[in-house]
PDB file of N, CA and C in Angstrom:
ATOM      1  N   MET A   1      -3.244 -48.343  21.728  1.00  0.00           N
ATOM      2  CA  MET A   1      -3.600 -47.360  20.722  1.00  0.00           C
ATOM      3  C   MET A   1      -4.387 -46.233  21.389  1.00  0.00           C
ATOM      4  N   LYS A   2      -3.989 -44.989  21.132  1.00  0.00           N
ATOM      5  CA  LYS A   2      -4.692 -43.828  21.668  1.00  0.00           C
ATOM      6  C   LYS A   2      -5.853 -43.471  20.750  1.00  0.00           C
ATOM      7  N   LEU A   3      -6.993 -43.192  21.359  1.00  0.00           N
ATOM      8  CA  LEU A   3      -8.153 -42.763  20.589  1.00  0.00           C
ATOM      9  C   LEU A   3      -8.198 -41.250  20.530  1.00  0.00           C
ATOM     10  N   TYR A   4      -8.726 -40.727  19.433  1.00  0.00           N
ATOM     11  CA  TYR A   4      -8.893 -39.287  19.275  1.00  0.00           C
ATOM     12  C   TYR A   4      -9.957 -38.790  20.246  1.00  0.00           C
ATOM     13  N   LYS A   5      -9.647 -37.719  20.948  1.00  0.00           N
ATOM     14  CA  LYS A   5     -10.600 -37.089  21.854  1.00  0.00           C
ATOM     15  C   LYS A   5     -10.716 -35.625  21.438  1.00  0.00           C
ATOM     16  N   PRO A   6     -11.922 -35.195  21.025  1.00  0.00           N
ATOM     17  CA  PRO A   6     -12.078 -33.831  20.520  1.00  0.00           C
ATOM     18  C   PRO A   6     -11.977 -32.746  21.587  1.00  0.00           C
ATOM     19  N   LEU A   7     -12.123 -33.107  22.859  1.00  0.00           N
ATOM     20  CA  LEU A   7     -12.048 -32.137  23.955  1.00  0.00           C
ATOM     21  C   LEU A   7     -11.070 -32.616  25.020  1.00  0.00           C
ATOM     22  N   PRO A   8     -10.446 -31.680  25.747  1.00  0.00           N
ATOM     23  CA  PRO A   8      -9.634 -32.080  26.896  1.00  0.00           C
ATOM     24  C   PRO A   8     -10.512 -32.783  27.928  1.00  0.00           C
ATOM     25  N   LYS A   9      -9.938 -33.685  28.705  1.00  0.00           N
ATOM     26  CA  LYS A   9     -10.716 -34.486  29.657  1.00  0.00           C
ATOM     27  C   LYS A   9     -11.412 -33.645  30.727  1.00  0.00           C
ATOM     28  N   MET A  10     -10.984 -32.393  30.929  1.00  0.00           N
ATOM     29  CA  MET A  10     -11.586 -31.557  31.968  1.00  0.00           C
ATOM     30  C   MET A  10     -12.774 -30.746  31.470  1.00  0.00           C
ATOM     31  N   LEU A  11     -13.170 -30.946  30.187  1.00  0.00           N
ATOM     32  CA  LEU A  11     -14.277 -30.176  29.598  1.00  0.00           C
ATOM     33  C   LEU A  11     -15.366 -31.085  29.048  1.00  0.00           C
ATOM     34  N   THR A  12     -16.584 -30.533  28.993  1.00  0.00           N
ATOM     35  CA  THR A  12     -17.702 -31.220  28.359  1.00  0.00           C
ATOM     36  C   THR A  12     -18.565 -30.187  27.649  1.00  0.00           C
ATOM     37  N   ILE A  13     -19.469 -30.663  26.826  1.00  0.00           N
ATOM     38  CA  ILE A  13     -20.412 -29.802  26.111  1.00  0.00           C
ATOM     39  C   ILE A  13     -21.795 -30.056  26.690  1.00  0.00           C
ATOM     40  N   LYS A  14     -22.497 -28.978  27.023  1.00  0.00           N
ATOM     41  CA  LYS A  14     -23.881 -29.128  27.486  1.00  0.00           C
ATOM     42  C   LYS A  14     -24.659 -27.847  27.219  1.00  0.00           C
ATOM     43  N   LYS A  15     -25.950 -27.861  27.503  1.00  0.00           N
ATOM     44  CA  LYS A  15     -26.833 -26.723  27.246  1.00  0.00           C
ATOM     45  C   LYS A  15     -26.333 -25.487  27.985  1.00  0.00           C
ATOM     46  N   SER A  16     -26.314 -24.369  27.245  1.00  0.00           N
ATOM     47  CA  SER A  16     -25.815 -23.106  27.777  1.00  0.00           C
ATOM     48  C   SER A  16     -26.952 -22.130  28.017  1.00  0.00           C
ATOM     49  N   LYS A  17     -26.824 -21.314  29.062  1.00  0.00           N
ATOM     50  CA  LYS A  17     -27.766 -20.225  29.291  1.00  0.00           C
ATOM     51  C   LYS A  17     -27.464 -19.046  28.358  1.00  0.00           C
ATOM     52  N   ILE A  18     -26.265 -19.029  27.780  1.00  0.00           N
ATOM     53  CA  ILE A  18     -25.863 -17.945  26.883  1.00  0.00           C
ATOM     54  C   ILE A  18     -26.435 -18.164  25.486  1.00  0.00           C
ATOM     55  N   HIS A  19     -26.149 -19.357  24.912  1.00  0.00           N
ATOM     56  CA  HIS A  19     -26.619 -19.649  23.560  1.00  0.00           C
ATOM     57  C   HIS A  19     -26.415 -21.130  23.252  1.00  0.00           C
ATOM     58  N   GLY A  20     -27.446 -21.817  22.911  1.00  0.00           N
ATOM     59  CA  GLY A  20     -27.339 -23.205  22.452  1.00  0.00           C
ATOM     60  C   GLY A  20     -26.552 -24.100  23.383  1.00  0.00           C
ATOM     61  N   LEU A  21     -25.452 -24.638  22.874  1.00  0.00           N
ATOM     62  CA  LEU A  21     -24.556 -25.479  23.656  1.00  0.00           C
ATOM     63  C   LEU A  21     -23.294 -24.698  23.982  1.00  0.00           C
ATOM     64  N   GLY A  22     -22.635 -25.066  25.072  1.00  0.00           N
ATOM     65  CA  GLY A  22     -21.407 -24.393  25.474  1.00  0.00           C
ATOM     66  C   GLY A  22     -20.411 -25.359  26.068  1.00  0.00           C
ATOM     67  N   LEU A  23     -19.204 -24.860  26.330  1.00  0.00           N
ATOM     68  CA  LEU A  23     -18.138 -25.637  26.977  1.00  0.00           C
ATOM     69  C   LEU A  23     -18.209 -25.420  28.477  1.00  0.00           C
ATOM     70  N   PHE A  24     -18.147 -26.491  29.247  1.00  0.00           N
ATOM     71  CA  PHE A  24     -18.222 -26.413  30.696  1.00  0.00           C
ATOM     72  C   PHE A  24     -17.092 -27.217  31.335  1.00  0.00           C
ATOM     73  N   ALA A  25     -16.637 -26.731  32.470  1.00  0.00           N
ATOM     74  CA  ALA A  25     -15.566 -27.393  33.212  1.00  0.00           C
ATOM     75  C   ALA A  25     -16.112 -28.579  34.001  1.00  0.00           C
ATOM     76  N   LEU A  26     -15.434 -29.705  33.911  1.00  0.00           N
ATOM     77  CA  LEU A  26     -15.781 -30.891  34.709  1.00  0.00           C
ATOM     78  C   LEU A  26     -15.039 -30.902  36.034  1.00  0.00           C
ATOM     79  N   GLU A  27     -14.072 -29.999  36.159  1.00  0.00           N
ATOM     80  CA  GLU A  27     -13.264 -29.864  37.372  1.00  0.00           C
ATOM     81  C   GLU A  27     -12.750 -28.435  37.425  1.00  0.00           C
ATOM     82  N   THR A  28     -12.185 -28.037  38.542  1.00  0.00           N
ATOM     83  CA  THR A  28     -11.590 -26.704  38.645  1.00  0.00           C
ATOM     84  C   THR A  28     -10.369 -26.639  37.734  1.00  0.00           C
ATOM     85  N   ILE A  29     -10.256 -25.533  36.990  1.00  0.00           N
ATOM     86  CA  ILE A  29      -9.129 -25.336  36.076  1.00  0.00           C
ATOM     87  C   ILE A  29      -8.423 -24.044  36.475  1.00  0.00           C
ATOM     88  N   GLU A  30      -7.146 -24.110  36.658  1.00  0.00           N
ATOM     89  CA  GLU A  30      -6.342 -22.965  37.094  1.00  0.00           C
ATOM     90  C   GLU A  30      -6.185 -21.927  35.980  1.00  0.00           C
ATOM     91  N   PRO A  31      -5.780 -20.693  36.332  1.00  0.00           N
ATOM     92  CA  PRO A  31      -5.509 -19.666  35.319  1.00  0.00           C
ATOM     93  C   PRO A  31      -4.324 -20.044  34.431  1.00  0.00           C
ATOM     94  N   GLU A  32      -4.336 -19.521  33.223  1.00  0.00           N
ATOM     95  CA  GLU A  32      -3.242 -19.665  32.251  1.00  0.00           C
ATOM     96  C   GLU A  32      -3.032 -21.109  31.770  1.00  0.00           C
ATOM     97  N   VAL A  33      -4.103 -21.905  31.757  1.00  0.00           N
ATOM     98  CA  VAL A  33      -4.020 -23.263  31.220  1.00  0.00           C
ATOM     99  C   VAL A  33      -4.385 -23.221  29.737  1.00  0.00           C
ATOM    100  N   ASN A  34      -3.512 -23.773  28.900  1.00  0.00           N
ATOM    101  CA  ASN A  34      -3.787 -23.881  27.471  1.00  0.00           C
ATOM    102  C   ASN A  34      -4.660 -25.115  27.275  1.00  0.00           C
ATOM    103  N   LEU A  35      -5.927 -24.884  26.877  1.00  0.00           N
ATOM    104  CA  LEU A  35      -6.882 -25.979  26.718  1.00  0.00           C
ATOM    105  C   LEU A  35      -6.826 -26.612  25.333  1.00  0.00           C
ATOM    106  N   GLY A  36      -6.128 -25.976  24.393  1.00  0.00           N
ATOM    107  CA  GLY A  36      -5.976 -26.547  23.061  1.00  0.00           C
ATOM    108  C   GLY A  36      -6.339 -25.567  21.961  1.00  0.00           C
ATOM    109  N   MET A  37      -6.162 -26.016  20.719  1.00  0.00           N
ATOM    110  CA  MET A  37      -6.393 -25.172  19.552  1.00  0.00           C
ATOM    111  C   MET A  37      -7.889 -25.047  19.260  1.00  0.00           C
ATOM    112  N   ILE A  38      -8.335 -23.789  19.018  1.00  0.00           N
ATOM    113  CA  ILE A  38      -9.737 -23.548  18.688  1.00  0.00           C
ATOM    114  C   ILE A  38      -9.940 -23.173  17.214  1.00  0.00           C
ATOM    115  N   HIS A  39      -8.915 -22.603  16.566  1.00  0.00           N
ATOM    116  CA  HIS A  39      -8.998 -22.248  15.151  1.00  0.00           C
ATOM    117  C   HIS A  39      -7.643 -22.486  14.484  1.00  0.00           C
ATOM    118  N   TYR A  40      -7.718 -22.814  13.199  1.00  0.00           N
ATOM    119  CA  TYR A  40      -6.522 -23.017  12.392  1.00  0.00           C
ATOM    120  C   TYR A  40      -6.740 -22.286  11.069  1.00  0.00           C
ATOM    121  N   ILE A  41      -5.829 -21.411  10.706  1.00  0.00           N
ATOM    122  CA  ILE A  41      -5.932 -20.640   9.467  1.00  0.00           C
ATOM    123  C   ILE A  41      -4.655 -20.892   8.665  1.00  0.00           C
ATOM    124  N   SER A  42      -4.820 -21.265   7.402  1.00  0.00           N
ATOM    125  CA  SER A  42      -3.663 -21.604   6.583  1.00  0.00           C
ATOM    126  C   SER A  42      -3.789 -21.034   5.184  1.00  0.00           C
ATOM    127  N   GLU A  43      -2.660 -20.617   4.611  1.00  0.00           N
ATOM    128  CA  GLU A  43      -2.648 -20.169   3.222  1.00  0.00           C
ATOM    129  C   GLU A  43      -3.017 -21.312   2.287  1.00  0.00           C
ATOM    130  N   PHE A  44      -2.796 -22.540   2.712  1.00  0.00           N
ATOM    131  CA  PHE A  44      -3.109 -23.708   1.885  1.00  0.00           C
ATOM    132  C   PHE A  44      -4.618 -23.934   1.777  1.00  0.00           C
ATOM    133  N   PHE A  45      -5.394 -23.298   2.636  1.00  0.00           N
ATOM    134  CA  PHE A  45      -6.854 -23.381   2.602  1.00  0.00           C
ATOM    135  C   PHE A  45      -7.448 -22.021   2.243  1.00  0.00           C
ATOM    136  N   ASP A  46      -6.762 -21.244   1.411  1.00  0.00           N
ATOM    137  CA  ASP A  46      -7.202 -19.897   1.010  1.00  0.00           C
ATOM    138  C   ASP A  46      -7.498 -19.023   2.230  1.00  0.00           C
ATOM    139  N   LYS A  47      -6.685 -19.188   3.272  1.00  0.00           N
ATOM    140  CA  LYS A  47      -6.812 -18.434   4.522  1.00  0.00           C
ATOM    141  C   LYS A  47      -8.175 -18.622   5.182  1.00  0.00           C
ATOM    142  N   GLU A  48      -8.820 -19.749   4.894  1.00  0.00           N
ATOM    143  CA  GLU A  48     -10.085 -20.089   5.551  1.00  0.00           C
ATOM    144  C   GLU A  48      -9.798 -20.420   7.011  1.00  0.00           C
ATOM    145  N   CYS A  49     -10.739 -20.135   7.860  1.00  0.00           N
ATOM    146  CA  CYS A  49     -10.624 -20.441   9.280  1.00  0.00           C
ATOM    147  C   CYS A  49     -11.284 -21.783   9.542  1.00  0.00           C
ATOM    148  N   ILE A  50     -10.506 -22.741   9.993  1.00  0.00           N
ATOM    149  CA  ILE A  50     -11.033 -24.052  10.336  1.00  0.00           C
ATOM    150  C   ILE A  50     -11.208 -24.091  11.854  1.00  0.00           C
ATOM    151  N   ARG A  51     -12.400 -24.367  12.295  1.00  0.00           N
ATOM    152  CA  ARG A  51     -12.706 -24.399  13.720  1.00  0.00           C
ATOM    153  C   ARG A  51     -12.593 -25.839  14.218  1.00  0.00           C
ATOM    154  N   THR A  52     -11.935 -26.028  15.333  1.00  0.00           N
ATOM    155  CA  THR A  52     -11.828 -27.352  15.936  1.00  0.00           C
ATOM    156  C   THR A  52     -13.087 -27.624  16.776  1.00  0.00           C
ATOM    157  N   PRO A  53     -13.305 -28.861  17.212  1.00  0.00           N
ATOM    158  CA  PRO A  53     -14.449 -29.122  18.100  1.00  0.00           C
ATOM    159  C   PRO A  53     -14.415 -28.239  19.355  1.00  0.00           C
ATOM    160  N   LEU A  54     -13.230 -27.994  19.880  1.00  0.00           N
ATOM    161  CA  LEU A  54     -13.092 -27.127  21.050  1.00  0.00           C
ATOM    162  C   LEU A  54     -13.579 -25.714  20.737  1.00  0.00           C
ATOM    163  N   GLY A  55     -13.270 -25.210  19.565  1.00  0.00           N
ATOM    164  CA  GLY A  55     -13.677 -23.867  19.169  1.00  0.00           C
ATOM    165  C   GLY A  55     -15.132 -23.760  18.742  1.00  0.00           C
ATOM    166  N   GLY A  56     -15.754 -24.876  18.460  1.00  0.00           N
ATOM    167  CA  GLY A  56     -17.120 -24.870  17.967  1.00  0.00           C
ATOM    168  C   GLY A  56     -18.189 -24.619  19.015  1.00  0.00           C
ATOM    169  N   PHE A  57     -17.830 -24.706  20.286  1.00  0.00           N
ATOM    170  CA  PHE A  57     -18.845 -24.604  21.334  1.00  0.00           C
ATOM    171  C   PHE A  57     -18.559 -23.527  22.371  1.00  0.00           C
ATOM    172  N   ILE A  58     -17.546 -22.712  22.135  1.00  0.00           N
ATOM    173  CA  ILE A  58     -17.214 -21.645  23.085  1.00  0.00           C
ATOM    174  C   ILE A  58     -18.117 -20.444  22.798  1.00  0.00           C
ATOM    175  N   ASN A  59     -18.780 -19.941  23.819  1.00  0.00           N
ATOM    176  CA  ASN A  59     -19.702 -18.820  23.663  1.00  0.00           C
ATOM    177  C   ASN A  59     -19.049 -17.495  24.022  1.00  0.00           C
ATOM    178  N   HIS A  60     -19.647 -16.419  23.513  1.00  0.00           N
ATOM    179  CA  HIS A  60     -19.179 -15.053  23.737  1.00  0.00           C
ATOM    180  C   HIS A  60     -19.609 -14.518  25.099  1.00  0.00           C
ATOM    181  N   SER A  61     -18.741 -13.694  25.677  1.00  0.00           N
ATOM    182  CA  SER A  61     -19.078 -12.920  26.867  1.00  0.00           C
ATOM    183  C   SER A  61     -18.289 -11.618  26.819  1.00  0.00           C
ATOM    184  N   ASN A  62     -18.900 -10.538  27.292  1.00  0.00           N
ATOM    185  CA  ASN A  62     -18.168  -9.281  27.418  1.00  0.00           C
ATOM    186  C   ASN A  62     -17.239  -9.311  28.626  1.00  0.00           C
ATOM    187  N   ASN A  63     -17.437 -10.297  29.496  1.00  0.00           N
ATOM    188  CA  ASN A  63     -16.588 -10.499  30.671  1.00  0.00           C
ATOM    189  C   ASN A  63     -16.117 -11.959  30.667  1.00  0.00           C
ATOM    190  N   PRO A  64     -15.271 -12.329  29.698  1.00  0.00           N
ATOM    191  CA  PRO A  64     -14.891 -13.732  29.517  1.00  0.00           C
ATOM    192  C   PRO A  64     -13.939 -14.249  30.586  1.00  0.00           C
ATOM    193  N   ASN A  65     -13.950 -15.571  30.749  1.00  0.00           N
ATOM    194  CA  ASN A  65     -13.016 -16.206  31.673  1.00  0.00           C
ATOM    195  C   ASN A  65     -11.864 -16.897  30.931  1.00  0.00           C
ATOM    196  N   CYS A  66     -11.846 -16.762  29.598  1.00  0.00           N
ATOM    197  CA  CYS A  66     -10.769 -17.304  28.767  1.00  0.00           C
ATOM    198  C   CYS A  66     -10.375 -16.259  27.719  1.00  0.00           C
ATOM    199  N   TYR A  67      -9.217 -16.466  27.109  1.00  0.00           N
ATOM    200  CA  TYR A  67      -8.787 -15.594  26.018  1.00  0.00           C
ATOM    201  C   TYR A  67      -8.118 -16.436  24.945  1.00  0.00           C
ATOM    202  N   LYS A  68      -7.886 -15.823  23.783  1.00  0.00           N
ATOM    203  CA  LYS A  68      -7.244 -16.506  22.668  1.00  0.00           C
ATOM    204  C   LYS A  68      -5.776 -16.112  22.610  1.00  0.00           C
ATOM    205  N   LYS A  69      -4.933 -17.081  22.318  1.00  0.00           N
ATOM    206  CA  LYS A  69      -3.511 -16.835  22.108  1.00  0.00           C
ATOM    207  C   LYS A  69      -3.169 -17.347  20.712  1.00  0.00           C
ATOM    208  N   GLU A  70      -2.507 -16.494  19.924  1.00  0.00           N
ATOM    209  CA  GLU A  70      -2.191 -16.854  18.550  1.00  0.00           C
ATOM    210  C   GLU A  70      -0.719 -17.197  18.377  1.00  0.00           C
ATOM    211  N   ASP A  71      -0.471 -18.261  17.615  1.00  0.00           N
ATOM    212  CA  ASP A  71       0.854 -18.575  17.100  1.00  0.00           C
ATOM    213  C   ASP A  71       0.795 -18.236  15.624  1.00  0.00           C
ATOM    214  N   ASP A  72       1.444 -17.164  15.234  1.00  0.00           N
ATOM    215  CA  ASP A  72       1.420 -16.707  13.847  1.00  0.00           C
ATOM    216  C   ASP A  72       2.682 -17.218  13.165  1.00  0.00           C
ATOM    217  N   LEU A  73       2.530 -18.277  12.380  1.00  0.00           N
ATOM    218  CA  LEU A  73       3.655 -18.888  11.695  1.00  0.00           C
ATOM    219  C   LEU A  73       3.695 -18.403  10.246  1.00  0.00           C
ATOM    220  N   ILE A  74       4.653 -18.862   9.463  1.00  0.00           N
ATOM    221  CA  ILE A  74       4.840 -18.359   8.097  1.00  0.00           C
ATOM    222  C   ILE A  74       3.605 -18.583   7.226  1.00  0.00           C
ATOM    223  N   TYR A  75       3.101 -19.796   7.159  1.00  0.00           N
ATOM    224  CA  TYR A  75       1.980 -20.105   6.277  1.00  0.00           C
ATOM    225  C   TYR A  75       0.680 -20.406   7.013  1.00  0.00           C
ATOM    226  N   GLU A  76       0.708 -20.306   8.322  1.00  0.00           N
ATOM    227  CA  GLU A  76      -0.483 -20.666   9.084  1.00  0.00           C
ATOM    228  C   GLU A  76      -0.561 -19.901  10.387  1.00  0.00           C
ATOM    229  N   LYS A  77      -1.756 -19.902  10.942  1.00  0.00           N
ATOM    230  CA  LYS A  77      -1.985 -19.292  12.247  1.00  0.00           C
ATOM    231  C   LYS A  77      -2.773 -20.299  13.078  1.00  0.00           C
ATOM    232  N   ARG A  78      -2.320 -20.515  14.282  1.00  0.00           N
ATOM    233  CA  ARG A  78      -3.021 -21.400  15.224  1.00  0.00           C
ATOM    234  C   ARG A  78      -3.494 -20.554  16.390  1.00  0.00           C
ATOM    235  N   ILE A  79      -4.747 -20.719  16.760  1.00  0.00           N
ATOM    236  CA  ILE A  79      -5.328 -19.938  17.848  1.00  0.00           C
ATOM    237  C   ILE A  79      -5.746 -20.904  18.959  1.00  0.00           C
ATOM    238  N   TYR A  80      -5.246 -20.627  20.164  1.00  0.00           N
ATOM    239  CA  TYR A  80      -5.469 -21.506  21.312  1.00  0.00           C
ATOM    240  C   TYR A  80      -6.374 -20.846  22.347  1.00  0.00           C
ATOM    241  N   LEU A  81      -7.080 -21.665  23.111  1.00  0.00           N
ATOM    242  CA  LEU A  81      -7.949 -21.210  24.189  1.00  0.00           C
ATOM    243  C   LEU A  81      -7.186 -21.312  25.513  1.00  0.00           C
ATOM    244  N   ILE A  82      -7.042 -20.173  26.198  1.00  0.00           N
ATOM    245  CA  ILE A  82      -6.295 -20.109  27.458  1.00  0.00           C
ATOM    246  C   ILE A  82      -7.234 -19.601  28.562  1.00  0.00           C
ATOM    247  N   THR A  83      -7.177 -20.221  29.721  1.00  0.00           N
ATOM    248  CA  THR A  83      -8.002 -19.743  30.830  1.00  0.00           C
ATOM    249  C   THR A  83      -7.421 -18.445  31.369  1.00  0.00           C
ATOM    250  N   LYS A  84      -8.298 -17.489  31.584  1.00  0.00           N
ATOM    251  CA  LYS A  84      -7.903 -16.157  32.056  1.00  0.00           C
ATOM    252  C   LYS A  84      -7.820 -16.125  33.582  1.00  0.00           C
ATOM    253  N   ASN A  85      -8.749 -16.787  34.218  1.00  0.00           N
ATOM    254  CA  ASN A  85      -8.762 -16.881  35.679  1.00  0.00           C
ATOM    255  C   ASN A  85      -9.215 -18.279  36.071  1.00  0.00           C
ATOM    256  N   LYS A  86      -9.324 -18.550  37.343  1.00  0.00           N
ATOM    257  CA  LYS A  86      -9.725 -19.873  37.802  1.00  0.00           C
ATOM    258  C   LYS A  86     -11.154 -20.161  37.341  1.00  0.00           C
ATOM    259  N   ILE A  87     -11.349 -21.328  36.748  1.00  0.00           N
ATOM    260  CA  ILE A  87     -12.662 -21.770  36.286  1.00  0.00           C
ATOM    261  C   ILE A  87     -13.154 -22.811  37.284  1.00  0.00           C
ATOM    262  N   LYS A  88     -14.350 -22.594  37.802  1.00  0.00           N
ATOM    263  CA  LYS A  88     -14.926 -23.533  38.772  1.00  0.00           C
ATOM    264  C   LYS A  88     -15.598 -24.701  38.056  1.00  0.00           C
ATOM    265  N   LYS A  89     -15.696 -25.826  38.751  1.00  0.00           N
ATOM    266  CA  LYS A  89     -16.401 -26.991  38.233  1.00  0.00           C
ATOM    267  C   LYS A  89     -17.819 -26.566  37.844  1.00  0.00           C
ATOM    268  N   ASN A  90     -18.288 -26.994  36.681  1.00  0.00           N
ATOM    269  CA  ASN A  90     -19.618 -26.704  36.109  1.00  0.00           C
ATOM    270  C   ASN A  90     -19.767 -25.290  35.563  1.00  0.00           C
ATOM    271  N   GLU A  91     -18.718 -24.467  35.599  1.00  0.00           N
ATOM    272  CA  GLU A  91     -18.775 -23.115  35.041  1.00  0.00           C
ATOM    273  C   GLU A  91     -18.585 -23.171  33.524  1.00  0.00           C
ATOM    274  N   GLU A  92     -19.330 -22.312  32.810  1.00  0.00           N
ATOM    275  CA  GLU A  92     -19.176 -22.250  31.360  1.00  0.00           C
ATOM    276  C   GLU A  92     -17.943 -21.425  31.007  1.00  0.00           C
ATOM    277  N   LEU A  93     -17.185 -21.905  30.025  1.00  0.00           N
ATOM    278  CA  LEU A  93     -16.023 -21.185  29.525  1.00  0.00           C
ATOM    279  C   LEU A  93     -16.477 -20.242  28.419  1.00  0.00           C
ATOM    280  N   THR A  94     -15.956 -19.013  28.431  1.00  0.00           N
ATOM    281  CA  THR A  94     -16.349 -18.011  27.446  1.00  0.00           C
ATOM    282  C   THR A  94     -15.135 -17.214  26.972  1.00  0.00           C
ATOM    283  N   ILE A  95     -15.273 -16.634  25.782  1.00  0.00           N
ATOM    284  CA  ILE A  95     -14.278 -15.699  25.257  1.00  0.00           C
ATOM    285  C   ILE A  95     -15.015 -14.501  24.686  1.00  0.00           C
ATOM    286  N   LYS A  96     -14.274 -13.452  24.404  1.00  0.00           N
ATOM    287  CA  LYS A  96     -14.840 -12.291  23.725  1.00  0.00           C
ATOM    288  C   LYS A  96     -14.588 -12.486  22.236  1.00  0.00           C
ATOM    289  N   TYR A  97     -15.675 -12.589  21.468  1.00  0.00           N
ATOM    290  CA  TYR A  97     -15.531 -12.783  20.023  1.00  0.00           C
ATOM    291  C   TYR A  97     -14.887 -11.551  19.395  1.00  0.00           C
ATOM    292  N   THR A  98     -13.903 -11.790  18.541  1.00  0.00           N
ATOM    293  CA  THR A  98     -13.245 -10.687  17.845  1.00  0.00           C
ATOM    294  C   THR A  98     -13.129 -10.936  16.352  1.00  0.00           C
ATOM    295  N   MET A  99     -13.489 -12.112  15.883  1.00  0.00           N
ATOM    296  CA  MET A  99     -13.327 -12.439  14.470  1.00  0.00           C
ATOM    297  C   MET A  99     -14.493 -11.938  13.631  1.00  0.00           C
ATOM    298  N   TYR A 100     -15.601 -11.613  14.268  1.00  0.00           N
ATOM    299  CA  TYR A 100     -16.799 -11.148  13.580  1.00  0.00           C
ATOM    300  C   TYR A 100     -17.700 -10.489  14.593  1.00  0.00           C
ATOM    301  N   LYS A 101     -18.733  -9.823  14.112  1.00  0.00           N
ATOM    302  CA  LYS A 101     -19.664  -9.122  15.000  1.00  0.00           C
ATOM    303  C   LYS A 101     -20.559 -10.110  15.729  1.00  0.00           C
ATOM    304  N   VAL A 102     -20.708  -9.944  17.017  1.00  0.00           N
ATOM    305  CA  VAL A 102     -21.632 -10.775  17.784  1.00  0.00           C
ATOM    306  C   VAL A 102     -23.036 -10.470  17.309  1.00  0.00           C
ATOM    307  N   GLY A 103     -23.846 -11.506  17.120  1.00  0.00           N
ATOM    308  CA  GLY A 103     -25.194 -11.310  16.641  1.00  0.00           C
ATOM    309  C   GLY A 103     -25.303 -11.593  15.146  1.00  0.00           C
ATOM    310  N   ASN A 104     -24.180 -11.656  14.456  1.00  0.00           N
ATOM    311  CA  ASN A 104     -24.160 -11.990  13.047  1.00  0.00           C
ATOM    312  C   ASN A 104     -24.609 -13.437  12.884  1.00  0.00           C
ATOM    313  N   LYS A 105     -25.497 -13.723  11.935  1.00  0.00           N
ATOM    314  CA  LYS A 105     -25.997 -15.078  11.759  1.00  0.00           C
ATOM    315  C   LYS A 105     -24.884 -16.071  11.398  1.00  0.00           C
ATOM    316  N   ASN A 106     -23.729 -15.583  10.950  1.00  0.00           N
ATOM    317  CA  ASN A 106     -22.610 -16.450  10.598  1.00  0.00           C
ATOM    318  C   ASN A 106     -21.588 -16.576  11.714  1.00  0.00           C
ATOM    319  N   GLU A 107     -21.953 -16.243  12.935  1.00  0.00           N
ATOM    320  CA  GLU A 107     -20.970 -16.233  14.019  1.00  0.00           C
ATOM    321  C   GLU A 107     -20.570 -17.601  14.514  1.00  0.00           C
ATOM    322  N   ARG A 108     -21.206 -18.624  14.150  1.00  0.00           N
ATOM    323  CA  ARG A 108     -20.877 -19.963  14.643  1.00  0.00           C
ATOM    324  C   ARG A 108     -20.305 -20.817  13.560  1.00  0.00           C
TER     325      ARG A 108
END
């Protein structure tokens, strides 16, 4: 029986110098690796954005090492976290927030 794992095996959550907790690499990760879904938006949930555990700990950077890729389907949208360049072991993964203003108290 497979157990549910909220994060890919190459990532962990720990204290961030950017803000609170963040996602960190446990090993070197190559560019263009799809690390998994970070947000799910569906018409069945009144277009609410559901954040996955992976999406809950990614911090903002103006010079991010990851980006978001969207699959825009008929009734839903899935947003995935993709590495932009090589991520070194123990490096924090970051994206540029675009869904809301950085600094907004509702950003997390």
